[in-house]
Amino acid sequence: MGVELGKALAVRIVPELTSDVEPELGHDSSTDALIRRYRRSLKS
């Protein structure tokens, strides 16, 4: 069951990581923070 949840999350998260524009995030606060941190690291 955990693997299926991971796959479902990946389908949602990968486009948010690779989008050219800042996506509107709707995950829990820690996931949103990690996505923002990763996106900022790409700009550096």
PDB file of N, CA and C in Angstrom:
ATOM      1  N   MET A   1       0.812  -1.183   0.000  1.00  0.00           N
ATOM      2  CA  MET A   1       0.000   0.000   0.000  1.00  0.00           C
ATOM      3  C   MET A   1       0.868   1.266   0.000  1.00  0.00           C
ATOM      4  N   GLY A   2       1.987   1.251   0.714  1.00  0.00           N
ATOM      5  CA  GLY A   2       2.868   2.412   0.752  1.00  0.00           C
ATOM      6  C   GLY A   2       3.483   2.730  -0.587  1.00  0.00           C
ATOM      7  N   VAL A   3       3.816   1.699  -1.343  1.00  0.00           N
ATOM      8  CA  VAL A   3       4.403   1.910  -2.673  1.00  0.00           C
ATOM      9  C   VAL A   3       3.389   2.570  -3.591  1.00  0.00           C
ATOM     10  N   GLU A   4       2.147   2.142  -3.518  1.00  0.00           N
ATOM     11  CA  GLU A   4       1.108   2.750  -4.356  1.00  0.00           C
ATOM     12  C   GLU A   4       0.894   4.207  -3.986  1.00  0.00           C
ATOM     13  N   LEU A   5       0.933   4.519  -2.704  1.00  0.00           N
ATOM     14  CA  LEU A   5       0.810   5.914  -2.270  1.00  0.00           C
ATOM     15  C   LEU A   5       1.981   6.736  -2.805  1.00  0.00           C
ATOM     16  N   GLY A   6       3.177   6.189  -2.743  1.00  0.00           N
ATOM     17  CA  GLY A   6       4.351   6.880  -3.268  1.00  0.00           C
ATOM     18  C   GLY A   6       4.237   7.167  -4.753  1.00  0.00           C
ATOM     19  N   LYS A   7       3.721   6.201  -5.490  1.00  0.00           N
ATOM     20  CA  LYS A   7       3.531   6.398  -6.941  1.00  0.00           C
ATOM     21  C   LYS A   7       2.511   7.500  -7.210  1.00  0.00           C
ATOM     22  N   ALA A   8       1.424   7.504  -6.456  1.00  0.00           N
ATOM     23  CA  ALA A   8       0.394   8.527  -6.638  1.00  0.00           C
ATOM     24  C   ALA A   8       0.943   9.913  -6.306  1.00  0.00           C
ATOM     25  N   LEU A   9       1.731  10.014  -5.237  1.00  0.00           N
ATOM     26  CA  LEU A   9       2.335  11.298  -4.884  1.00  0.00           C
ATOM     27  C   LEU A   9       3.323  11.759  -5.947  1.00  0.00           C
ATOM     28  N   ALA A  10       4.097  10.842  -6.474  1.00  0.00           N
ATOM     29  CA  ALA A  10       5.085  11.195  -7.495  1.00  0.00           C
ATOM     30  C   ALA A  10       4.406  11.769  -8.734  1.00  0.00           C
ATOM     31  N   VAL A  11       3.265  11.208  -9.105  1.00  0.00           N
ATOM     32  CA  VAL A  11       2.537  11.710 -10.273  1.00  0.00           C
ATOM     33  C   VAL A  11       2.142  13.167 -10.064  1.00  0.00           C
ATOM     34  N   ARG A  12       1.814  13.537  -8.830  1.00  0.00           N
ATOM     35  CA  ARG A  12       1.450  14.925  -8.530  1.00  0.00           C
ATOM     36  C   ARG A  12       2.653  15.829  -8.351  1.00  0.00           C
ATOM     37  N   ILE A  13       3.725  15.318  -7.752  1.00  0.00           N
ATOM     38  CA  ILE A  13       4.854  16.153  -7.357  1.00  0.00           C
ATOM     39  C   ILE A  13       5.821  16.433  -8.498  1.00  0.00           C
ATOM     40  N   VAL A  14       6.087  15.479  -9.354  1.00  0.00           N
ATOM     41  CA  VAL A  14       7.080  15.677 -10.423  1.00  0.00           C
ATOM     42  C   VAL A  14       6.750  16.895 -11.291  1.00  0.00           C
ATOM     43  N   PRO A  15       5.516  17.071 -11.745  1.00  0.00           N
ATOM     44  CA  PRO A  15       5.224  18.286 -12.527  1.00  0.00           C
ATOM     45  C   PRO A  15       5.438  19.574 -11.738  1.00  0.00           C
ATOM     46  N   GLU A  16       5.199  19.530 -10.431  1.00  0.00           N
ATOM     47  CA  GLU A  16       5.427  20.711  -9.600  1.00  0.00           C
ATOM     48  C   GLU A  16       6.917  21.015  -9.465  1.00  0.00           C
ATOM     49  N   LEU A  17       7.731  20.007  -9.517  1.00  0.00           N
ATOM     50  CA  LEU A  17       9.179  20.209  -9.435  1.00  0.00           C
ATOM     51  C   LEU A  17       9.756  20.749 -10.739  1.00  0.00           C
ATOM     52  N   THR A  18       9.154  20.392 -11.847  1.00  0.00           N
ATOM     53  CA  THR A  18       9.728  20.720 -13.152  1.00  0.00           C
ATOM     54  C   THR A  18       9.024  21.866 -13.874  1.00  0.00           C
ATOM     55  N   SER A  19       7.956  22.400 -13.300  1.00  0.00           N
ATOM     56  CA  SER A  19       7.195  23.470 -13.941  1.00  0.00           C
ATOM     57  C   SER A  19       8.039  24.731 -14.097  1.00  0.00           C
ATOM     58  N   ASP A  20       7.844  25.436 -15.204  1.00  0.00           N
ATOM     59  CA  ASP A  20       8.544  26.699 -15.435  1.00  0.00           C
ATOM     60  C   ASP A  20       7.984  27.832 -14.579  1.00  0.00           C
ATOM     61  N   VAL A  21       6.734  27.733 -14.212  1.00  0.00           N
ATOM     62  CA  VAL A  21       6.102  28.739 -13.358  1.00  0.00           C
ATOM     63  C   VAL A  21       5.911  28.153 -11.965  1.00  0.00           C
ATOM     64  N   GLU A  22       5.805  29.041 -10.985  1.00  0.00           N
ATOM     65  CA  GLU A  22       5.612  28.597  -9.601  1.00  0.00           C
ATOM     66  C   GLU A  22       4.234  27.949  -9.474  1.00  0.00           C
ATOM     67  N   PRO A  23       4.181  26.654  -9.173  1.00  0.00           N
ATOM     68  CA  PRO A  23       2.884  25.984  -9.080  1.00  0.00           C
ATOM     69  C   PRO A  23       2.183  26.292  -7.764  1.00  0.00           C
ATOM     70  N   GLU A  24       0.874  26.184  -7.771  1.00  0.00           N
ATOM     71  CA  GLU A  24       0.111  26.301  -6.530  1.00  0.00           C
ATOM     72  C   GLU A  24       0.168  24.940  -5.846  1.00  0.00           C
ATOM     73  N   LEU A  25       0.718  24.908  -4.659  1.00  0.00           N
ATOM     74  CA  LEU A  25       0.931  23.646  -3.964  1.00  0.00           C
ATOM     75  C   LEU A  25      -0.217  23.377  -2.998  1.00  0.00           C
ATOM     76  N   GLY A  26      -0.539  22.117  -2.820  1.00  0.00           N
ATOM     77  CA  GLY A  26      -1.634  21.753  -1.936  1.00  0.00           C
ATOM     78  C   GLY A  26      -1.333  20.529  -1.093  1.00  0.00           C
ATOM     79  N   HIS A  27      -0.064  20.340  -0.783  1.00  0.00           N
ATOM     80  CA  HIS A  27       0.341  19.197   0.031  1.00  0.00           C
ATOM     81  C   HIS A  27       0.405  19.621   1.489  1.00  0.00           C
ATOM     82  N   ASP A  28       0.882  18.731   2.337  1.00  0.00           N
ATOM     83  CA  ASP A  28       1.108  19.126   3.720  1.00  0.00           C
ATOM     84  C   ASP A  28       2.259  20.138   3.748  1.00  0.00           C
ATOM     85  N   SER A  29       2.394  20.838   4.847  1.00  0.00           N
ATOM     86  CA  SER A  29       3.351  21.955   4.914  1.00  0.00           C
ATOM     87  C   SER A  29       4.795  21.514   4.689  1.00  0.00           C
ATOM     88  N   SER A  30       5.182  20.344   5.171  1.00  0.00           N
ATOM     89  CA  SER A  30       6.568  19.916   4.988  1.00  0.00           C
ATOM     90  C   SER A  30       6.854  19.558   3.530  1.00  0.00           C
ATOM     91  N   THR A  31       5.907  18.931   2.858  1.00  0.00           N
ATOM     92  CA  THR A  31       6.095  18.603   1.438  1.00  0.00           C
ATOM     93  C   THR A  31       6.159  19.873   0.608  1.00  0.00           C
ATOM     94  N   ASP A  32       5.264  20.817   0.878  1.00  0.00           N
ATOM     95  CA  ASP A  32       5.297  22.100   0.169  1.00  0.00           C
ATOM     96  C   ASP A  32       6.642  22.792   0.368  1.00  0.00           C
ATOM     97  N   ALA A  33       7.145  22.787   1.595  1.00  0.00           N
ATOM     98  CA  ALA A  33       8.433  23.434   1.883  1.00  0.00           C
ATOM     99  C   ALA A  33       9.571  22.756   1.129  1.00  0.00           C
ATOM    100  N   LEU A  34       9.554  21.446   1.061  1.00  0.00           N
ATOM    101  CA  LEU A  34      10.615  20.728   0.341  1.00  0.00           C
ATOM    102  C   LEU A  34      10.564  21.013  -1.160  1.00  0.00           C
ATOM    103  N   ILE A  35       9.359  21.090  -1.713  1.00  0.00           N
ATOM    104  CA  ILE A  35       9.221  21.407  -3.140  1.00  0.00           C
ATOM    105  C   ILE A  35       9.756  22.807  -3.403  1.00  0.00           C
ATOM    106  N   ARG A  36       9.382  23.770  -2.555  1.00  0.00           N
ATOM    107  CA  ARG A  36       9.876  25.149  -2.730  1.00  0.00           C
ATOM    108  C   ARG A  36      11.396  25.211  -2.603  1.00  0.00           C
ATOM    109  N   ARG A  37      11.934  24.496  -1.635  1.00  0.00           N
ATOM    110  CA  ARG A  37      13.392  24.486  -1.432  1.00  0.00           C
ATOM    111  C   ARG A  37      14.102  23.903  -2.655  1.00  0.00           C
ATOM    112  N   TYR A  38      13.588  22.816  -3.184  1.00  0.00           N
ATOM    113  CA  TYR A  38      14.189  22.201  -4.367  1.00  0.00           C
ATOM    114  C   TYR A  38      14.128  23.164  -5.552  1.00  0.00           C
ATOM    115  N   ARG A  39      12.967  23.803  -5.758  1.00  0.00           N
ATOM    116  CA  ARG A  39      12.834  24.731  -6.881  1.00  0.00           C
ATOM    117  C   ARG A  39      13.787  25.912  -6.746  1.00  0.00           C
ATOM    118  N   ARG A  40      13.980  26.426  -5.518  1.00  0.00           N
ATOM    119  CA  ARG A  40      14.947  27.516  -5.300  1.00  0.00           C
ATOM    120  C   ARG A  40      16.370  27.063  -5.610  1.00  0.00           C
ATOM    121  N   SER A  41      16.675  25.818  -5.288  1.00  0.00           N
ATOM    122  CA  SER A  41      18.038  25.315  -5.524  1.00  0.00           C
ATOM    123  C   SER A  41      18.345  25.243  -7.016  1.00  0.00           C
ATOM    124  N   LEU A  42      17.335  25.093  -7.851  1.00  0.00           N
ATOM    125  CA  LEU A  42      17.550  25.041  -9.304  1.00  0.00           C
ATOM    126  C   LEU A  42      17.919  26.413  -9.858  1.00  0.00           C
ATOM    127  N   LYS A  43      17.457  27.466  -9.177  1.00  0.00           N
ATOM    128  CA  LYS A  43      17.724  28.832  -9.635  1.00  0.00           C
ATOM    129  C   LYS A  43      19.132  29.293  -9.266  1.00  0.00           C
ATOM    130  N   SER A  44      19.761  28.641  -8.310  1.00  0.00           N
ATOM    131  CA  SER A  44      21.072  29.057  -7.833  1.00  0.00           C
ATOM    132  C   SER A  44      22.190  28.644  -8.770  1.00  0.00           C
TER     133      SER A  44
END
